[in-house]
PDB file of N, CA and C in Angstrom:
ATOM      1  N   UNK A   1      75.947  29.581  65.672  1.00  0.00           N
ATOM      2  CA  UNK A   1      75.427  28.714  64.664  1.00  0.00           C
ATOM      3  C   UNK A   1      74.479  29.518  63.808  1.00  0.00           C
ATOM      4  N   UNK A   2      74.441  29.278  62.527  1.00  0.00           N
ATOM      5  CA  UNK A   2      73.560  30.028  61.649  1.00  0.00           C
ATOM      6  C   UNK A   2      72.700  29.105  60.827  1.00  0.00           C
ATOM      7  N   UNK A   3      71.511  29.559  60.571  1.00  0.00           N
ATOM      8  CA  UNK A   3      70.540  28.794  59.831  1.00  0.00           C
ATOM      9  C   UNK A   3      69.960  29.691  58.763  1.00  0.00           C
ATOM     10  N   UNK A   4      69.886  29.200  57.540  1.00  0.00           N
ATOM     11  CA  UNK A   4      69.182  29.911  56.484  1.00  0.00           C
ATOM     12  C   UNK A   4      67.882  29.189  56.273  1.00  0.00           C
ATOM     13  N   UNK A   5      66.774  29.852  56.396  1.00  0.00           N
ATOM     14  CA  UNK A   5      65.481  29.201  56.254  1.00  0.00           C
ATOM     15  C   UNK A   5      64.690  29.871  55.155  1.00  0.00           C
ATOM     16  N   UNK A   6      64.087  29.041  54.340  1.00  0.00           N
ATOM     17  CA  UNK A   6      63.179  29.513  53.308  1.00  0.00           C
ATOM     18  C   UNK A   6      61.870  28.799  53.587  1.00  0.00           C
ATOM     19  N   UNK A   7      60.822  29.535  53.844  1.00  0.00           N
ATOM     20  CA  UNK A   7      59.514  28.948  54.050  1.00  0.00           C
ATOM     21  C   UNK A   7      58.692  29.289  52.826  1.00  0.00           C
ATOM     22  N   UNK A   8      58.166  28.252  52.157  1.00  0.00           N
ATOM     23  CA  UNK A   8      57.540  28.550  50.885  1.00  0.00           C
ATOM     24  C   UNK A   8      56.520  27.519  50.458  1.00  0.00           C
ATOM     25  N   UNK A   9      55.376  27.989  49.956  1.00  0.00           N
ATOM     26  CA  UNK A   9      54.481  27.092  49.259  1.00  0.00           C
ATOM     27  C   UNK A   9      54.979  26.905  47.831  1.00  0.00           C
ATOM     28  N   UNK A  10      55.946  27.676  47.405  1.00  0.00           N
ATOM     29  CA  UNK A  10      56.556  27.631  46.087  1.00  0.00           C
ATOM     30  C   UNK A  10      57.321  28.910  45.876  1.00  0.00           C
ATOM     31  N   UNK A  11      58.637  28.855  45.828  1.00  0.00           N
ATOM     32  CA  UNK A  11      59.443  30.068  45.689  1.00  0.00           C
ATOM     33  C   UNK A  11      59.440  30.530  44.244  1.00  0.00           C
ATOM     34  N   UNK A  12      59.230  31.790  44.040  1.00  0.00           N
ATOM     35  CA  UNK A  12      59.317  32.399  42.726  1.00  0.00           C
ATOM     36  C   UNK A  12      59.710  33.850  42.900  1.00  0.00           C
ATOM     37  N   UNK A  13      60.949  34.174  42.654  1.00  0.00           N
ATOM     38  CA  UNK A  13      61.421  35.544  42.863  1.00  0.00           C
ATOM     39  C   UNK A  13      60.826  36.461  41.809  1.00  0.00           C
ATOM     40  N   UNK A  14      60.210  37.539  42.274  1.00  0.00           N
ATOM     41  CA  UNK A  14      59.641  38.508  41.356  1.00  0.00           C
ATOM     42  C   UNK A  14      60.574  39.690  41.149  1.00  0.00           C
ATOM     43  N   UNK A  15      61.458  39.904  42.119  1.00  0.00           N
ATOM     44  CA  UNK A  15      62.418  40.985  42.036  1.00  0.00           C
ATOM     45  C   UNK A  15      63.809  40.416  42.272  1.00  0.00           C
ATOM     46  N   UNK A  16      64.803  41.025  41.662  1.00  0.00           N
ATOM     47  CA  UNK A  16      66.185  40.625  41.906  1.00  0.00           C
ATOM     48  C   UNK A  16      66.568  41.083  43.312  1.00  0.00           C
ATOM     49  N   UNK A  17      67.108  40.168  44.106  1.00  0.00           N
ATOM     50  CA  UNK A  17      67.520  40.491  45.471  1.00  0.00           C
ATOM     51  C   UNK A  17      68.993  40.121  45.628  1.00  0.00           C
ATOM     52  N   UNK A  18      69.794  41.070  46.077  1.00  0.00           N
ATOM     53  CA  UNK A  18      71.205  40.827  46.383  1.00  0.00           C
ATOM     54  C   UNK A  18      71.450  41.339  47.793  1.00  0.00           C
ATOM     55  N   UNK A  19      72.007  40.470  48.637  1.00  0.00           N
ATOM     56  CA  UNK A  19      72.258  40.856  50.023  1.00  0.00           C
ATOM     57  C   UNK A  19      73.665  40.430  50.406  1.00  0.00           C
ATOM     58  N   UNK A  20      74.440  41.359  50.942  1.00  0.00           N
ATOM     59  CA  UNK A  20      75.764  41.030  51.465  1.00  0.00           C
ATOM     60  C   UNK A  20      75.649  40.868  52.980  1.00  0.00           C
ATOM     61  N   UNK A  21      76.520  40.069  53.604  1.00  0.00           N
ATOM     62  CA  UNK A  21      76.418  39.841  55.046  1.00  0.00           C
ATOM     63  C   UNK A  21      76.388  41.118  55.881  1.00  0.00           C
ATOM     64  N   UNK A  22      77.142  42.123  55.492  1.00  0.00           N
ATOM     65  CA  UNK A  22      77.181  43.356  56.286  1.00  0.00           C
ATOM     66  C   UNK A  22      75.896  44.168  56.179  1.00  0.00           C
ATOM     67  N   UNK A  23      75.034  43.848  55.226  1.00  0.00           N
ATOM     68  CA  UNK A  23      73.778  44.572  55.053  1.00  0.00           C
ATOM     69  C   UNK A  23      72.633  43.962  55.860  1.00  0.00           C
ATOM     70  N   UNK A  24      72.846  42.789  56.468  1.00  0.00           N
ATOM     71  CA  UNK A  24      71.780  42.154  57.246  1.00  0.00           C
ATOM     72  C   UNK A  24      71.480  42.967  58.493  1.00  0.00           C
ATOM     73  N   UNK A  25      70.193  43.114  58.807  1.00  0.00           N
ATOM     74  CA  UNK A  25      69.757  43.831  60.002  1.00  0.00           C
ATOM     75  C   UNK A  25      69.236  42.797  60.996  1.00  0.00           C
ATOM     76  N   UNK A  26      70.019  42.551  62.039  1.00  0.00           N
ATOM     77  CA  UNK A  26      69.711  41.518  63.012  1.00  0.00           C
ATOM     78  C   UNK A  26      68.778  42.049  64.091  1.00  0.00           C
ATOM     79  N   UNK A  27      67.823  41.201  64.528  1.00  0.00           N
ATOM     80  CA  UNK A  27      66.886  41.556  65.590  1.00  0.00           C
ATOM     81  C   UNK A  27      66.618  40.334  66.454  1.00  0.00           C
ATOM     82  N   UNK A  28      66.071  40.559  67.616  1.00  0.00           N
ATOM     83  CA  UNK A  28      65.663  39.465  68.497  1.00  0.00           C
ATOM     84  C   UNK A  28      64.259  39.033  68.067  1.00  0.00           C
ATOM     85  N   UNK A  29      64.092  37.783  67.621  1.00  0.00           N
ATOM     86  CA  UNK A  29      62.758  37.347  67.189  1.00  0.00           C
ATOM     87  C   UNK A  29      61.829  37.173  68.391  1.00  0.00           C
ATOM     88  N   UNK A  30      60.658  37.794  68.364  1.00  0.00           N
ATOM     89  CA  UNK A  30      59.751  37.718  69.510  1.00  0.00           C
ATOM     90  C   UNK A  30      59.180  36.323  69.750  1.00  0.00           C
ATOM     91  N   UNK A  31      59.225  35.455  68.745  1.00  0.00           N
ATOM     92  CA  UNK A  31      58.638  34.122  68.873  1.00  0.00           C
ATOM     93  C   UNK A  31      59.609  33.083  69.439  1.00  0.00           C
ATOM     94  N   UNK A  32      60.861  33.468  69.697  1.00  0.00           N
ATOM     95  CA  UNK A  32      61.856  32.535  70.227  1.00  0.00           C
ATOM     96  C   UNK A  32      62.367  32.999  71.588  1.00  0.00           C
ATOM     97  N   UNK A  33      62.880  32.060  72.399  1.00  0.00           N
ATOM     98  CA  UNK A  33      63.469  32.457  73.678  1.00  0.00           C
ATOM     99  C   UNK A  33      64.627  33.438  73.456  1.00  0.00           C
ATOM    100  N   UNK A  34      64.951  34.247  74.461  1.00  0.00           N
ATOM    101  CA  UNK A  34      66.045  35.213  74.336  1.00  0.00           C
ATOM    102  C   UNK A  34      67.369  34.550  73.938  1.00  0.00           C
ATOM    103  N   UNK A  35      68.155  35.277  73.129  1.00  0.00           N
ATOM    104  CA  UNK A  35      69.470  34.803  72.707  1.00  0.00           C
ATOM    105  C   UNK A  35      69.593  34.602  71.213  1.00  0.00           C
ATOM    106  N   UNK A  36      68.497  34.288  70.537  1.00  0.00           N
ATOM    107  CA  UNK A  36      68.522  34.107  69.082  1.00  0.00           C
ATOM    108  C   UNK A  36      68.513  35.467  68.405  1.00  0.00           C
ATOM    109  N   UNK A  37      69.085  35.522  67.201  1.00  0.00           N
ATOM    110  CA  UNK A  37      69.045  36.728  66.374  1.00  0.00           C
ATOM    111  C   UNK A  37      68.555  36.319  64.991  1.00  0.00           C
ATOM    112  N   UNK A  38      67.743  37.181  64.384  1.00  0.00           N
ATOM    113  CA  UNK A  38      67.133  36.886  63.101  1.00  0.00           C
ATOM    114  C   UNK A  38      67.301  38.076  62.166  1.00  0.00           C
ATOM    115  N   UNK A  39      67.566  37.801  60.894  1.00  0.00           N
ATOM    116  CA  UNK A  39      67.618  38.837  59.857  1.00  0.00           C
ATOM    117  C   UNK A  39      66.698  38.408  58.716  1.00  0.00           C
ATOM    118  N   UNK A  40      65.765  39.271  58.354  1.00  0.00           N
ATOM    119  CA  UNK A  40      64.850  38.986  57.251  1.00  0.00           C
ATOM    120  C   UNK A  40      65.516  39.434  55.957  1.00  0.00           C
ATOM    121  N   UNK A  41      65.580  38.526  54.994  1.00  0.00           N
ATOM    122  CA  UNK A  41      66.156  38.845  53.691  1.00  0.00           C
ATOM    123  C   UNK A  41      65.051  39.177  52.696  1.00  0.00           C
ATOM    124  N   UNK A  42      63.969  38.392  52.731  1.00  0.00           N
ATOM    125  CA  UNK A  42      62.889  38.636  51.777  1.00  0.00           C
ATOM    126  C   UNK A  42      61.570  38.146  52.345  1.00  0.00           C
ATOM    127  N   UNK A  43      60.520  38.916  52.135  1.00  0.00           N
ATOM    128  CA  UNK A  43      59.162  38.510  52.457  1.00  0.00           C
ATOM    129  C   UNK A  43      58.732  38.779  53.883  1.00  0.00           C
ATOM    130  N   UNK A  44      57.425  38.729  54.132  1.00  0.00           N
ATOM    131  CA  UNK A  44      56.902  38.877  55.488  1.00  0.00           C
ATOM    132  C   UNK A  44      57.005  37.548  56.233  1.00  0.00           C
ATOM    133  N   UNK A  45      57.545  37.571  57.449  1.00  0.00           N
ATOM    134  CA  UNK A  45      57.756  36.308  58.163  1.00  0.00           C
ATOM    135  C   UNK A  45      56.543  35.885  58.983  1.00  0.00           C
ATOM    136  N   UNK A  46      55.513  36.719  59.042  1.00  0.00           N
ATOM    137  CA  UNK A  46      54.345  36.389  59.844  1.00  0.00           C
ATOM    138  C   UNK A  46      53.157  35.921  59.000  1.00  0.00           C
ATOM    139  N   UNK A  47      53.416  35.569  57.749  1.00  0.00           N
ATOM    140  CA  UNK A  47      52.357  35.116  56.856  1.00  0.00           C
ATOM    141  C   UNK A  47      52.764  33.812  56.185  1.00  0.00           C
ATOM    142  N   UNK A  48      51.786  33.074  55.668  1.00  0.00           N
ATOM    143  CA  UNK A  48      52.043  31.796  54.988  1.00  0.00           C
ATOM    144  C   UNK A  48      52.421  32.051  53.531  1.00  0.00           C
ATOM    145  N   UNK A  49      53.442  32.887  53.350  1.00  0.00           N
ATOM    146  CA  UNK A  49      53.950  33.215  52.021  1.00  0.00           C
ATOM    147  C   UNK A  49      55.454  32.975  52.020  1.00  0.00           C
ATOM    148  N   UNK A  50      56.067  32.880  50.850  1.00  0.00           N
ATOM    149  CA  UNK A  50      57.518  32.644  50.801  1.00  0.00           C
ATOM    150  C   UNK A  50      58.296  33.762  51.504  1.00  0.00           C
ATOM    151  N   UNK A  51      59.317  33.361  52.275  1.00  0.00           N
ATOM    152  CA  UNK A  51      60.243  34.324  52.851  1.00  0.00           C
ATOM    153  C   UNK A  51      61.576  33.648  53.100  1.00  0.00           C
ATOM    154  N   UNK A  52      62.623  34.473  53.217  1.00  0.00           N
ATOM    155  CA  UNK A  52      63.974  33.966  53.469  1.00  0.00           C
ATOM    156  C   UNK A  52      64.534  34.728  54.664  1.00  0.00           C
ATOM    157  N   UNK A  53      65.093  33.969  55.614  1.00  0.00           N
ATOM    158  CA  UNK A  53      65.681  34.573  56.809  1.00  0.00           C
ATOM    159  C   UNK A  53      67.036  33.947  57.093  1.00  0.00           C
ATOM    160  N   UNK A  54      67.811  34.600  57.933  1.00  0.00           N
ATOM    161  CA  UNK A  54      69.029  34.032  58.530  1.00  0.00           C
ATOM    162  C   UNK A  54      68.812  34.085  60.034  1.00  0.00           C
ATOM    163  N   UNK A  55      69.266  33.059  60.737  1.00  0.00           N
ATOM    164  CA  UNK A  55      69.113  32.989  62.186  1.00  0.00           C
ATOM    165  C   UNK A  55      70.448  32.627  62.814  1.00  0.00           C
ATOM    166  N   UNK A  56      70.776  33.290  63.926  1.00  0.00           N
ATOM    167  CA  UNK A  56      71.965  32.961  64.715  1.00  0.00           C
ATOM    168  C   UNK A  56      71.497  32.479  66.082  1.00  0.00           C
ATOM    169  N   UNK A  57      72.114  31.394  66.552  1.00  0.00           N
ATOM    170  CA  UNK A  57      71.802  30.870  67.878  1.00  0.00           C
ATOM    171  C   UNK A  57      73.075  30.775  68.703  1.00  0.00           C
ATOM    172  N   UNK A  58      72.997  31.082  70.002  1.00  0.00           N
ATOM    173  CA  UNK A  58      74.165  30.885  70.868  1.00  0.00           C
ATOM    174  C   UNK A  58      74.315  29.405  71.218  1.00  0.00           C
ATOM    175  N   UNK A  59      75.446  29.038  71.794  1.00  0.00           N
ATOM    176  CA  UNK A  59      75.689  27.656  72.214  1.00  0.00           C
ATOM    177  C   UNK A  59      74.613  27.207  73.197  1.00  0.00           C
ATOM    178  N   UNK A  60      74.244  25.938  73.092  1.00  0.00           N
ATOM    179  CA  UNK A  60      73.286  25.304  73.995  1.00  0.00           C
ATOM    180  C   UNK A  60      71.894  25.930  73.963  1.00  0.00           C
ATOM    181  N   UNK A  61      71.561  26.592  72.885  1.00  0.00           N
ATOM    182  CA  UNK A  61      70.239  27.208  72.721  1.00  0.00           C
ATOM    183  C   UNK A  61      69.212  26.122  72.440  1.00  0.00           C
ATOM    184  N   UNK A  62      68.004  26.309  72.899  1.00  0.00           N
ATOM    185  CA  UNK A  62      66.928  25.349  72.675  1.00  0.00           C
ATOM    186  C   UNK A  62      65.809  26.022  71.881  1.00  0.00           C
ATOM    187  N   UNK A  63      65.495  25.462  70.714  1.00  0.00           N
ATOM    188  CA  UNK A  63      64.369  25.937  69.916  1.00  0.00           C
ATOM    189  C   UNK A  63      63.178  25.053  70.284  1.00  0.00           C
ATOM    190  N   UNK A  64      62.154  25.613  70.917  1.00  0.00           N
ATOM    191  CA  UNK A  64      61.011  24.803  71.333  1.00  0.00           C
ATOM    192  C   UNK A  64      60.297  24.167  70.139  1.00  0.00           C
ATOM    193  N   UNK A  65      59.555  23.112  70.409  1.00  0.00           N
ATOM    194  CA  UNK A  65      58.756  22.467  69.362  1.00  0.00           C
ATOM    195  C   UNK A  65      57.781  23.488  68.780  1.00  0.00           C
ATOM    196  N   UNK A  66      57.677  23.479  67.459  1.00  0.00           N
ATOM    197  CA  UNK A  66      56.802  24.410  66.756  1.00  0.00           C
ATOM    198  C   UNK A  66      56.570  23.890  65.345  1.00  0.00           C
ATOM    199  N   UNK A  67      55.763  24.594  64.568  1.00  0.00           N
ATOM    200  CA  UNK A  67      55.559  24.268  63.159  1.00  0.00           C
ATOM    201  C   UNK A  67      55.342  25.572  62.393  1.00  0.00           C
ATOM    202  N   UNK A  68      55.406  25.465  61.074  1.00  0.00           N
ATOM    203  CA  UNK A  68      55.237  26.628  60.199  1.00  0.00           C
ATOM    204  C   UNK A  68      54.079  26.359  59.240  1.00  0.00           C
ATOM    205  N   UNK A  69      53.368  27.394  58.800  1.00  0.00           N
ATOM    206  CA  UNK A  69      52.231  27.201  57.902  1.00  0.00           C
ATOM    207  C   UNK A  69      52.636  26.867  56.460  1.00  0.00           C
ATOM    208  N   UNK A  70      53.920  26.965  56.150  1.00  0.00           N
ATOM    209  CA  UNK A  70      54.408  26.672  54.801  1.00  0.00           C
ATOM    210  C   UNK A  70      55.591  25.710  54.893  1.00  0.00           C
ATOM    211  N   UNK A  71      55.963  25.112  53.789  1.00  0.00           N
ATOM    212  CA  UNK A  71      57.133  24.245  53.742  1.00  0.00           C
ATOM    213  C   UNK A  71      58.359  25.025  54.192  1.00  0.00           C
ATOM    214  N   UNK A  72      59.211  24.375  54.995  1.00  0.00           N
ATOM    215  CA  UNK A  72      60.421  25.023  55.493  1.00  0.00           C
ATOM    216  C   UNK A  72      61.653  24.340  54.901  1.00  0.00           C
ATOM    217  N   UNK A  73      62.555  25.152  54.378  1.00  0.00           N
ATOM    218  CA  UNK A  73      63.849  24.685  53.885  1.00  0.00           C
ATOM    219  C   UNK A  73      64.913  25.271  54.806  1.00  0.00           C
ATOM    220  N   UNK A  74      65.729  24.423  55.421  1.00  0.00           N
ATOM    221  CA  UNK A  74      66.763  24.871  56.346  1.00  0.00           C
ATOM    222  C   UNK A  74      68.116  24.454  55.805  1.00  0.00           C
ATOM    223  N   UNK A  75      69.060  25.380  55.748  1.00  0.00           N
ATOM    224  CA  UNK A  75      70.445  25.098  55.361  1.00  0.00           C
ATOM    225  C   UNK A  75      71.345  25.558  56.495  1.00  0.00           C
ATOM    226  N   UNK A  76      72.204  24.667  56.981  1.00  0.00           N
ATOM    227  CA  UNK A  76      73.141  25.015  58.040  1.00  0.00           C
ATOM    228  C   UNK A  76      74.361  25.671  57.396  1.00  0.00           C
ATOM    229  N   UNK A  77      74.638  26.929  57.751  1.00  0.00           N
ATOM    230  CA  UNK A  77      75.760  27.659  57.178  1.00  0.00           C
ATOM    231  C   UNK A  77      77.046  27.437  57.960  1.00  0.00           C
ATOM    232  N   UNK A  78      76.933  27.293  59.285  1.00  0.00           N
ATOM    233  CA  UNK A  78      78.099  27.001  60.121  1.00  0.00           C
ATOM    234  C   UNK A  78      77.627  26.356  61.411  1.00  0.00           C
ATOM    235  N   UNK A  79      78.536  25.675  62.079  1.00  0.00           N
ATOM    236  CA  UNK A  79      78.197  25.018  63.329  1.00  0.00           C
ATOM    237  C   UNK A  79      77.450  23.719  63.104  1.00  0.00           C
ATOM    238  N   UNK A  80      76.770  23.255  64.135  1.00  0.00           N
ATOM    239  CA  UNK A  80      75.978  22.032  64.079  1.00  0.00           C
ATOM    240  C   UNK A  80      74.636  22.306  64.726  1.00  0.00           C
ATOM    241  N   UNK A  81      73.578  21.928  64.038  1.00  0.00           N
ATOM    242  CA  UNK A  81      72.209  22.102  64.511  1.00  0.00           C
ATOM    243  C   UNK A  81      71.608  20.727  64.702  1.00  0.00           C
ATOM    244  N   UNK A  82      71.124  20.439  65.881  1.00  0.00           N
ATOM    245  CA  UNK A  82      70.511  19.147  66.165  1.00  0.00           C
ATOM    246  C   UNK A  82      69.004  19.320  66.052  1.00  0.00           C
ATOM    247  N   UNK A  83      68.402  18.760  64.981  1.00  0.00           N
ATOM    248  CA  UNK A  83      66.983  18.952  64.711  1.00  0.00           C
ATOM    249  C   UNK A  83      66.230  17.657  64.971  1.00  0.00           C
ATOM    250  N   UNK A  84      65.054  17.809  65.580  1.00  0.00           N
ATOM    251  CA  UNK A  84      64.213  16.653  65.836  1.00  0.00           C
ATOM    252  C   UNK A  84      62.791  16.912  65.404  1.00  0.00           C
ATOM    253  N   UNK A  85      62.045  15.834  65.193  1.00  0.00           N
ATOM    254  CA  UNK A  85      60.642  15.923  64.810  1.00  0.00           C
ATOM    255  C   UNK A  85      59.775  15.516  65.991  1.00  0.00           C
ATOM    256  N   UNK A  86      58.658  16.210  66.166  1.00  0.00           N
ATOM    257  CA  UNK A  86      57.735  15.908  67.236  1.00  0.00           C
ATOM    258  C   UNK A  86      57.221  17.155  67.904  1.00  0.00           C
ATOM    259  N   UNK A  87      56.264  16.970  68.820  1.00  0.00           N
ATOM    260  CA  UNK A  87      55.640  18.124  69.460  1.00  0.00           C
ATOM    261  C   UNK A  87      56.209  18.424  70.837  1.00  0.00           C
ATOM    262  N   UNK A  88      57.328  17.756  71.201  1.00  0.00           N
ATOM    263  CA  UNK A  88      57.993  18.021  72.475  1.00  0.00           C
ATOM    264  C   UNK A  88      59.501  17.981  72.260  1.00  0.00           C
ATOM    265  N   UNK A  89      60.221  18.982  72.776  1.00  0.00           N
ATOM    266  CA  UNK A  89      61.668  19.025  72.634  1.00  0.00           C
ATOM    267  C   UNK A  89      62.291  17.828  73.360  1.00  0.00           C
ATOM    268  N   UNK A  90      62.985  16.975  72.599  1.00  0.00           N
ATOM    269  CA  UNK A  90      63.621  15.791  73.160  1.00  0.00           C
ATOM    270  C   UNK A  90      65.000  15.642  72.525  1.00  0.00           C
ATOM    271  N   UNK A  91      66.065  16.098  73.213  1.00  0.00           N
ATOM    272  CA  UNK A  91      67.413  16.053  72.641  1.00  0.00           C
ATOM    273  C   UNK A  91      67.872  14.654  72.217  1.00  0.00           C
ATOM    274  N   UNK A  92      67.275  13.603  72.781  1.00  0.00           N
ATOM    275  CA  UNK A  92      67.686  12.241  72.413  1.00  0.00           C
ATOM    276  C   UNK A  92      67.117  11.807  71.065  1.00  0.00           C
ATOM    277  N   UNK A  93      66.218  12.609  70.508  1.00  0.00           N
ATOM    278  CA  UNK A  93      65.572  12.260  69.236  1.00  0.00           C
ATOM    279  C   UNK A  93      65.890  13.280  68.151  1.00  0.00           C
ATOM    280  N   UNK A  94      67.183  13.604  68.007  1.00  0.00           N
ATOM    281  CA  UNK A  94      67.582  14.591  67.009  1.00  0.00           C
ATOM    282  C   UNK A  94      68.584  14.008  66.018  1.00  0.00           C
ATOM    283  N   UNK A  95      68.726  14.692  64.918  1.00  0.00           N
ATOM    284  CA  UNK A  95      69.749  14.387  63.917  1.00  0.00           C
ATOM    285  C   UNK A  95      70.697  15.575  63.869  1.00  0.00           C
ATOM    286  N   UNK A  96      71.999  15.305  63.943  1.00  0.00           N
ATOM    287  CA  UNK A  96      72.997  16.368  63.878  1.00  0.00           C
ATOM    288  C   UNK A  96      73.161  16.825  62.435  1.00  0.00           C
ATOM    289  N   UNK A  97      72.948  18.094  62.184  1.00  0.00           N
ATOM    290  CA  UNK A  97      73.119  18.683  60.858  1.00  0.00           C
ATOM    291  C   UNK A  97      74.333  19.604  60.917  1.00  0.00           C
ATOM    292  N   UNK A  98      75.417  19.206  60.281  1.00  0.00           N
ATOM    293  CA  UNK A  98      76.634  20.021  60.259  1.00  0.00           C
ATOM    294  C   UNK A  98      76.567  21.017  59.114  1.00  0.00           C
ATOM    295  N   UNK A  99      77.533  21.919  59.055  1.00  0.00           N
ATOM    296  CA  UNK A  99      77.575  22.938  58.004  1.00  0.00           C
ATOM    297  C   UNK A  99      77.440  22.287  56.637  1.00  0.00           C
ATOM    298  N   UNK A 100      76.564  22.841  55.813  1.00  0.00           N
ATOM    299  CA  UNK A 100      76.302  22.308  54.485  1.00  0.00           C
ATOM    300  C   UNK A 100      75.095  21.387  54.443  1.00  0.00           C
ATOM    301  N   UNK A 101      74.607  20.956  55.601  1.00  0.00           N
ATOM    302  CA  UNK A 101      73.432  20.085  55.656  1.00  0.00           C
ATOM    303  C   UNK A 101      72.169  20.886  55.375  1.00  0.00           C
ATOM    304  N   UNK A 102      71.113  20.174  54.970  1.00  0.00           N
ATOM    305  CA  UNK A 102      69.839  20.826  54.783  1.00  0.00           C
ATOM    306  C   UNK A 102      68.713  19.919  55.220  1.00  0.00           C
ATOM    307  N   UNK A 103      67.577  20.527  55.502  1.00  0.00           N
ATOM    308  CA  UNK A 103      66.377  19.823  55.909  1.00  0.00           C
ATOM    309  C   UNK A 103      65.198  20.504  55.237  1.00  0.00           C
ATOM    310  N   UNK A 104      64.261  19.718  54.730  1.00  0.00           N
ATOM    311  CA  UNK A 104      63.046  20.266  54.125  1.00  0.00           C
ATOM    312  C   UNK A 104      61.867  19.598  54.822  1.00  0.00           C
ATOM    313  N   UNK A 105      61.003  20.411  55.409  1.00  0.00           N
ATOM    314  CA  UNK A 105      59.852  19.902  56.148  1.00  0.00           C
ATOM    315  C   UNK A 105      58.565  20.425  55.544  1.00  0.00           C
ATOM    316  N   UNK A 106      57.592  19.532  55.330  1.00  0.00           N
ATOM    317  CA  UNK A 106      56.285  19.989  54.845  1.00  0.00           C
ATOM    318  C   UNK A 106      55.626  20.930  55.848  1.00  0.00           C
ATOM    319  N   UNK A 107      54.704  21.727  55.383  1.00  0.00           N
ATOM    320  CA  UNK A 107      53.947  22.632  56.246  1.00  0.00           C
ATOM    321  C   UNK A 107      53.346  21.868  57.420  1.00  0.00           C
ATOM    322  N   UNK A 108      53.294  22.503  58.553  1.00  0.00           N
ATOM    323  CA  UNK A 108      52.688  21.999  59.789  1.00  0.00           C
ATOM    324  C   UNK A 108      53.388  20.777  60.378  1.00  0.00           C
ATOM    325  N   UNK A 109      54.678  20.575  60.035  1.00  0.00           N
ATOM    326  CA  UNK A 109      55.473  19.500  60.628  1.00  0.00           C
ATOM    327  C   UNK A 109      56.033  19.995  61.957  1.00  0.00           C
ATOM    328  N   UNK A 110      55.669  19.356  63.057  1.00  0.00           N
ATOM    329  CA  UNK A 110      56.199  19.737  64.366  1.00  0.00           C
ATOM    330  C   UNK A 110      57.673  19.365  64.428  1.00  0.00           C
ATOM    331  N   UNK A 111      58.506  20.323  64.870  1.00  0.00           N
ATOM    332  CA  UNK A 111      59.939  20.081  64.969  1.00  0.00           C
ATOM    333  C   UNK A 111      60.540  20.963  66.055  1.00  0.00           C
ATOM    334  N   UNK A 112      61.771  20.632  66.465  1.00  0.00           N
ATOM    335  CA  UNK A 112      62.465  21.359  67.523  1.00  0.00           C
ATOM    336  C   UNK A 112      63.947  21.296  67.254  1.00  0.00           C
ATOM    337  N   UNK A 113      64.718  22.084  67.986  1.00  0.00           N
ATOM    338  CA  UNK A 113      66.148  22.118  67.738  1.00  0.00           C
ATOM    339  C   UNK A 113      66.991  22.456  68.943  1.00  0.00           C
ATOM    340  N   UNK A 114      67.389  21.462  69.705  1.00  0.00           N
ATOM    341  CA  UNK A 114      68.387  21.775  70.723  1.00  0.00           C
ATOM    342  C   UNK A 114      69.739  21.971  70.054  1.00  0.00           C
ATOM    343  N   UNK A 115      70.392  23.055  70.352  1.00  0.00           N
ATOM    344  CA  UNK A 115      71.667  23.360  69.735  1.00  0.00           C
ATOM    345  C   UNK A 115      72.786  22.999  70.683  1.00  0.00           C
ATOM    346  N   UNK A 116      73.694  22.192  70.216  1.00  0.00           N
ATOM    347  CA  UNK A 116      74.817  21.761  71.043  1.00  0.00           C
ATOM    348  C   UNK A 116      76.107  22.416  70.637  1.00  0.00           C
ATOM    349  N   UNK A 117      76.072  23.277  69.653  1.00  0.00           N
ATOM    350  CA  UNK A 117      77.244  24.016  69.196  1.00  0.00           C
ATOM    351  C   UNK A 117      76.766  25.347  68.645  1.00  0.00           C
ATOM    352  N   UNK A 118      77.654  26.312  68.542  1.00  0.00           N
ATOM    353  CA  UNK A 118      77.254  27.616  68.005  1.00  0.00           C
ATOM    354  C   UNK A 118      77.412  27.624  66.492  1.00  0.00           C
ATOM    355  N   UNK A 119      76.794  28.573  65.830  1.00  0.00           N
ATOM    356  CA  UNK A 119      76.925  28.684  64.381  1.00  0.00           C
ATOM    357  C   UNK A 119      75.880  29.608  63.793  1.00  0.00           C
ATOM    358  N   UNK A 120      75.775  29.593  62.466  1.00  0.00           N
ATOM    359  CA  UNK A 120      74.820  30.436  61.746  1.00  0.00           C
ATOM    360  C   UNK A 120      74.039  29.567  60.775  1.00  0.00           C
ATOM    361  N   UNK A 121      72.749  29.942  60.570  1.00  0.00           N
ATOM    362  CA  UNK A 121      71.878  29.247  59.619  1.00  0.00           C
ATOM    363  C   UNK A 121      71.274  30.245  58.671  1.00  0.00           C
TER     364      UNK A 121
END
C-alpha cells in the first residue's frame, strides 16, 4: 500500500521538482514500527515545514496513534488504507480509503492507521 503525504502550513514550491518512481530512495522510517518504507521527495521531515513523502506499508501493518505539527494531506496511490481519528489505535473506528482517496487533517490531529491491505501512499 502506498501513501503520498504532504505536511504543510501552506505549500509554496520555490524550486521546480520532478521525481520519477525509479529515482525514489526508500528507507526504514525510525518513527514507525519495522516494515514501513519511506521516500522523501521534498523538504525536511523532522520540522514543522512543508514536505512531501511517499510511504509503503506491508499487509496488516499498524500505524500507531500519532499527530503532526503541520496540516497533513494524504493521498492513497494504491491499496486500501484504514484511517481513524483518536489517541488510541482502534480498528473498529476507521474509514477505508481506497486508491484515489484523500484525507486532510489539521495540525496536531491524533490519528492512526491499521492497514488491512497492501499498497502505496
